[in-house]
Amino acid sequence: TLNRVGDIPLEWYKDEGHIGYDIGGRKLLKKERSALQQLLDATDDPNAYRTIYDALHDEKKVLNNAELELIFNLQRNRTPNSAHNMYEDYPEGQVSCDPLNHPL
């Protein structure tokens, strides 16, 4: 079920036993897991290195190769799309500028 709390900080729910409400107005309970249980789950899971935790919806999501590449490129201050050449020459003649059409 989707969390329907809206655009509010999740810190507001840190002391609560739930993480928000579903579409029917019922509370979505937190899934309490200890750090040891999280470690054991990660060692048993072959996709642990590509799994992230979505705190808003209280679920794990497995990233695909394209999403991992995007994250790695952003961490290394590269362009998100590796196929994009940001040092490409600017194409001449595609943009025309009329100096009399601009305001002062």
N, C-alpha and C. Protein backbone atom coordinates (compact mmCIF):
# COMPACT_ATOMS: atom_id res chain seq x y z
N THR A 1 0.85 -1.19 0.00
CA THR A 1 0.00 0.00 0.00
C THR A 1 0.88 1.24 0.00
N LEU A 2 0.40 2.27 -0.66
CA LEU A 2 1.15 3.50 -0.74
C LEU A 2 0.89 4.39 0.46
N ASN A 3 1.93 5.11 0.86
CA ASN A 3 1.83 6.04 1.96
C ASN A 3 1.25 7.35 1.43
N ARG A 4 0.20 7.84 2.05
CA ARG A 4 -0.50 9.03 1.56
C ARG A 4 -0.32 10.22 2.49
N VAL A 5 0.87 10.39 3.11
CA VAL A 5 1.04 11.49 4.05
C VAL A 5 1.27 12.82 3.35
N GLY A 6 1.66 12.79 2.11
CA GLY A 6 1.89 14.03 1.38
C GLY A 6 3.32 14.48 1.49
N ASP A 7 3.53 15.76 1.29
CA ASP A 7 4.88 16.32 1.25
C ASP A 7 5.25 16.88 2.62
N ILE A 8 5.42 16.01 3.59
CA ILE A 8 5.83 16.43 4.93
C ILE A 8 7.09 15.67 5.32
N PRO A 9 7.88 16.21 6.23
CA PRO A 9 9.10 15.50 6.64
C PRO A 9 8.78 14.21 7.38
N LEU A 10 9.53 13.15 7.08
CA LEU A 10 9.31 11.87 7.74
C LEU A 10 9.79 11.89 9.19
N GLU A 11 10.58 12.92 9.56
CA GLU A 11 11.02 13.04 10.95
C GLU A 11 9.84 13.24 11.89
N TRP A 12 8.74 13.74 11.39
CA TRP A 12 7.56 13.95 12.23
C TRP A 12 7.03 12.62 12.75
N TYR A 13 7.33 11.53 12.08
CA TYR A 13 6.83 10.21 12.47
C TYR A 13 7.88 9.36 13.17
N LYS A 14 9.05 9.92 13.50
CA LYS A 14 10.11 9.10 14.07
C LYS A 14 9.76 8.54 15.45
N ASP A 15 8.93 9.25 16.23
CA ASP A 15 8.54 8.77 17.55
C ASP A 15 7.20 8.02 17.53
N GLU A 16 6.60 7.93 16.39
CA GLU A 16 5.30 7.27 16.26
C GLU A 16 5.48 5.79 15.92
N GLY A 17 4.46 5.02 16.11
CA GLY A 17 4.49 3.60 15.77
C GLY A 17 4.09 3.33 14.34
N HIS A 18 3.83 4.40 13.59
CA HIS A 18 3.42 4.23 12.19
C HIS A 18 4.17 5.24 11.33
N ILE A 19 4.11 5.07 10.01
CA ILE A 19 4.83 5.94 9.09
C ILE A 19 3.90 6.79 8.25
N GLY A 20 2.62 6.73 8.49
CA GLY A 20 1.67 7.51 7.71
C GLY A 20 0.34 6.78 7.61
N TYR A 21 -0.38 7.11 6.57
CA TYR A 21 -1.73 6.58 6.40
C TYR A 21 -1.92 6.09 4.98
N ASP A 22 -2.78 5.09 4.82
CA ASP A 22 -3.11 4.63 3.48
C ASP A 22 -4.30 5.43 2.96
N ILE A 23 -4.82 5.06 1.80
CA ILE A 23 -5.88 5.84 1.17
C ILE A 23 -7.19 5.76 1.95
N GLY A 24 -7.35 4.72 2.78
CA GLY A 24 -8.55 4.59 3.61
C GLY A 24 -8.42 5.29 4.96
N GLY A 25 -7.26 5.90 5.24
CA GLY A 25 -7.06 6.59 6.50
C GLY A 25 -6.54 5.70 7.62
N ARG A 26 -6.19 4.46 7.30
CA ARG A 26 -5.66 3.54 8.31
C ARG A 26 -4.15 3.76 8.45
N LYS A 27 -3.64 3.60 9.66
CA LYS A 27 -2.21 3.80 9.93
C LYS A 27 -1.39 2.68 9.29
N LEU A 28 -0.25 3.06 8.71
CA LEU A 28 0.70 2.09 8.17
C LEU A 28 1.77 1.87 9.23
N LEU A 29 1.80 0.68 9.81
CA LEU A 29 2.72 0.38 10.90
C LEU A 29 4.14 0.22 10.38
N LYS A 30 5.11 0.62 11.22
CA LYS A 30 6.52 0.47 10.87
C LYS A 30 6.92 -0.99 10.99
N LYS A 31 7.86 -1.38 10.15
CA LYS A 31 8.44 -2.71 10.24
C LYS A 31 9.73 -2.58 11.04
N GLU A 32 9.67 -2.93 12.31
CA GLU A 32 10.83 -2.81 13.19
C GLU A 32 11.77 -3.99 12.96
N ARG A 33 13.03 -3.68 12.63
CA ARG A 33 14.05 -4.71 12.46
C ARG A 33 15.33 -4.22 13.11
N SER A 34 16.00 -5.09 13.82
CA SER A 34 17.24 -4.71 14.48
C SER A 34 18.37 -4.63 13.46
N ALA A 35 19.47 -4.02 13.88
CA ALA A 35 20.63 -3.90 12.99
C ALA A 35 21.20 -5.28 12.68
N LEU A 36 21.15 -6.19 13.63
CA LEU A 36 21.63 -7.55 13.39
C LEU A 36 20.77 -8.25 12.36
N GLN A 37 19.47 -8.09 12.45
CA GLN A 37 18.57 -8.70 11.47
C GLN A 37 18.80 -8.12 10.07
N GLN A 38 19.06 -6.81 9.99
CA GLN A 38 19.34 -6.19 8.70
C GLN A 38 20.64 -6.73 8.11
N LEU A 39 21.65 -6.94 8.97
CA LEU A 39 22.92 -7.49 8.49
C LEU A 39 22.74 -8.92 7.99
N LEU A 40 22.00 -9.72 8.72
CA LEU A 40 21.76 -11.10 8.29
C LEU A 40 20.97 -11.15 6.99
N ASP A 41 20.00 -10.27 6.85
CA ASP A 41 19.24 -10.21 5.59
C ASP A 41 20.14 -9.82 4.43
N ALA A 42 21.08 -8.90 4.67
CA ALA A 42 21.97 -8.44 3.61
C ALA A 42 22.96 -9.52 3.19
N THR A 43 23.41 -10.35 4.14
CA THR A 43 24.35 -11.41 3.78
C THR A 43 23.68 -12.54 3.02
N ASP A 44 22.39 -12.74 3.24
CA ASP A 44 21.66 -13.80 2.54
C ASP A 44 21.16 -13.37 1.17
N ASP A 45 21.10 -12.06 0.93
CA ASP A 45 20.52 -11.53 -0.30
C ASP A 45 21.61 -11.31 -1.35
N PRO A 46 21.55 -11.97 -2.52
CA PRO A 46 22.59 -11.74 -3.54
C PRO A 46 22.50 -10.35 -4.18
N ASN A 47 21.36 -9.68 -4.07
CA ASN A 47 21.21 -8.33 -4.62
C ASN A 47 21.35 -7.25 -3.56
N ALA A 48 22.04 -7.54 -2.47
CA ALA A 48 22.13 -6.57 -1.37
C ALA A 48 22.88 -5.30 -1.79
N TYR A 49 23.87 -5.41 -2.66
CA TYR A 49 24.63 -4.24 -3.07
C TYR A 49 23.83 -3.29 -3.96
N ARG A 50 22.74 -3.77 -4.51
CA ARG A 50 21.92 -2.92 -5.37
C ARG A 50 20.53 -2.69 -4.79
N THR A 51 20.36 -2.95 -3.50
CA THR A 51 19.08 -2.76 -2.84
C THR A 51 19.13 -1.52 -1.96
N ILE A 52 18.13 -0.66 -2.09
CA ILE A 52 18.03 0.53 -1.25
C ILE A 52 16.73 0.45 -0.45
N TYR A 53 16.69 1.24 0.61
CA TYR A 53 15.50 1.28 1.46
C TYR A 53 14.76 2.57 1.20
N ASP A 54 13.49 2.47 0.86
CA ASP A 54 12.62 3.63 0.64
C ASP A 54 11.86 3.89 1.94
N ALA A 55 12.28 4.94 2.67
CA ALA A 55 11.68 5.23 3.97
C ALA A 55 10.24 5.71 3.85
N LEU A 56 9.91 6.38 2.77
CA LEU A 56 8.55 6.91 2.61
C LEU A 56 7.53 5.78 2.51
N HIS A 57 7.85 4.74 1.76
CA HIS A 57 6.92 3.63 1.57
C HIS A 57 7.29 2.41 2.41
N ASP A 58 8.38 2.50 3.19
CA ASP A 58 8.83 1.44 4.09
C ASP A 58 8.99 0.12 3.34
N GLU A 59 9.80 0.18 2.27
CA GLU A 59 10.05 -1.03 1.48
C GLU A 59 11.43 -0.98 0.86
N LYS A 60 11.94 -2.14 0.50
CA LYS A 60 13.21 -2.25 -0.19
C LYS A 60 12.96 -2.21 -1.69
N LYS A 61 13.87 -1.57 -2.41
CA LYS A 61 13.78 -1.52 -3.88
C LYS A 61 15.11 -1.97 -4.46
N VAL A 62 15.05 -2.83 -5.45
CA VAL A 62 16.25 -3.31 -6.14
C VAL A 62 16.46 -2.45 -7.37
N LEU A 63 17.66 -1.88 -7.48
CA LEU A 63 17.98 -1.00 -8.60
C LEU A 63 18.48 -1.82 -9.78
N ASN A 64 18.12 -1.37 -10.98
CA ASN A 64 18.63 -2.06 -12.18
C ASN A 64 19.96 -1.43 -12.59
N ASN A 65 20.58 -1.94 -13.64
CA ASN A 65 21.91 -1.48 -14.05
C ASN A 65 21.91 -0.02 -14.47
N ALA A 66 20.87 0.44 -15.14
CA ALA A 66 20.81 1.83 -15.58
C ALA A 66 20.73 2.78 -14.38
N GLU A 67 19.96 2.42 -13.37
CA GLU A 67 19.84 3.26 -12.17
C GLU A 67 21.15 3.28 -11.39
N LEU A 68 21.84 2.13 -11.31
CA LEU A 68 23.14 2.10 -10.65
C LEU A 68 24.17 2.95 -11.38
N GLU A 69 24.16 2.89 -12.70
CA GLU A 69 25.10 3.70 -13.49
C GLU A 69 24.84 5.18 -13.28
N LEU A 70 23.58 5.57 -13.21
CA LEU A 70 23.23 6.97 -12.97
C LEU A 70 23.75 7.43 -11.61
N ILE A 71 23.58 6.61 -10.57
CA ILE A 71 24.06 6.97 -9.24
C ILE A 71 25.59 7.06 -9.21
N PHE A 72 26.27 6.09 -9.82
CA PHE A 72 27.73 6.12 -9.85
C PHE A 72 28.25 7.34 -10.58
N ASN A 73 27.62 7.71 -11.70
CA ASN A 73 28.05 8.89 -12.44
C ASN A 73 27.84 10.16 -11.62
N LEU A 74 26.74 10.26 -10.92
CA LEU A 74 26.50 11.44 -10.08
C LEU A 74 27.49 11.52 -8.92
N GLN A 75 27.85 10.39 -8.34
CA GLN A 75 28.82 10.38 -7.24
C GLN A 75 30.20 10.80 -7.71
N ARG A 76 30.52 10.55 -8.95
CA ARG A 76 31.84 10.88 -9.49
C ARG A 76 31.84 12.20 -10.27
N ASN A 77 30.80 13.02 -10.10
CA ASN A 77 30.67 14.33 -10.74
C ASN A 77 30.75 14.23 -12.27
N ARG A 78 30.15 13.19 -12.80
CA ARG A 78 30.04 13.03 -14.25
C ARG A 78 28.62 13.36 -14.67
N THR A 79 28.40 13.42 -15.97
CA THR A 79 27.04 13.64 -16.45
C THR A 79 26.23 12.38 -16.17
N PRO A 80 24.96 12.52 -15.79
CA PRO A 80 24.15 11.34 -15.49
C PRO A 80 24.03 10.37 -16.65
N ASN A 81 23.93 10.90 -17.86
CA ASN A 81 23.84 10.07 -19.06
C ASN A 81 25.24 9.91 -19.63
N SER A 82 25.79 8.72 -19.58
CA SER A 82 27.16 8.52 -20.04
C SER A 82 27.30 8.69 -21.55
N ALA A 83 26.22 8.63 -22.30
CA ALA A 83 26.28 8.80 -23.76
C ALA A 83 26.35 10.28 -24.15
N HIS A 84 26.09 11.19 -23.22
CA HIS A 84 26.09 12.62 -23.53
C HIS A 84 27.52 13.16 -23.49
N ASN A 85 27.90 13.89 -24.53
CA ASN A 85 29.22 14.51 -24.60
C ASN A 85 29.05 15.99 -24.30
N MET A 86 29.43 16.42 -23.10
CA MET A 86 29.23 17.82 -22.74
C MET A 86 30.30 18.73 -23.34
N TYR A 87 31.32 18.17 -23.98
CA TYR A 87 32.36 18.97 -24.62
C TYR A 87 32.20 19.00 -26.13
N GLU A 88 31.03 18.65 -26.60
CA GLU A 88 30.76 18.64 -28.03
C GLU A 88 30.71 20.08 -28.55
N ASP A 89 31.17 20.27 -29.78
CA ASP A 89 31.14 21.60 -30.38
C ASP A 89 29.70 22.06 -30.57
N TYR A 90 29.50 23.35 -30.39
CA TYR A 90 28.17 23.93 -30.54
C TYR A 90 27.82 23.98 -32.02
N PRO A 91 26.64 23.49 -32.41
CA PRO A 91 26.28 23.51 -33.84
C PRO A 91 26.03 24.95 -34.31
N GLU A 92 26.69 25.31 -35.38
CA GLU A 92 26.56 26.66 -35.93
C GLU A 92 25.36 26.75 -36.86
N GLY A 93 24.70 27.88 -36.88
CA GLY A 93 23.64 28.15 -37.82
C GLY A 93 22.28 27.60 -37.44
N GLN A 94 22.13 26.93 -36.34
CA GLN A 94 20.82 26.40 -35.97
C GLN A 94 19.98 27.42 -35.22
N VAL A 95 20.62 28.39 -34.59
CA VAL A 95 19.91 29.40 -33.82
C VAL A 95 20.15 30.75 -34.47
N SER A 96 19.05 31.41 -34.81
CA SER A 96 19.21 32.74 -35.41
C SER A 96 18.79 33.80 -34.38
N CYS A 97 19.48 34.90 -34.40
CA CYS A 97 19.22 35.96 -33.43
C CYS A 97 19.03 37.27 -34.19
N ASP A 98 17.89 37.91 -34.01
CA ASP A 98 17.62 39.18 -34.62
C ASP A 98 17.86 40.27 -33.55
N PRO A 99 18.90 41.06 -33.65
CA PRO A 99 19.19 42.06 -32.61
C PRO A 99 18.10 43.14 -32.49
N LEU A 100 17.30 43.37 -33.53
CA LEU A 100 16.25 44.37 -33.44
C LEU A 100 15.01 43.85 -32.74
N ASN A 101 14.93 42.55 -32.50
CA ASN A 101 13.76 41.95 -31.87
C ASN A 101 13.90 41.89 -30.34
N HIS A 102 15.05 42.23 -29.79
CA HIS A 102 15.28 42.15 -28.35
C HIS A 102 14.98 43.47 -27.67
N PRO A 103 14.44 43.43 -26.46
CA PRO A 103 14.20 44.67 -25.72
C PRO A 103 15.51 45.29 -25.24
N LEU A 104 15.45 46.53 -24.90
CA LEU A 104 16.67 47.21 -24.44
C LEU A 104 17.07 46.74 -23.13
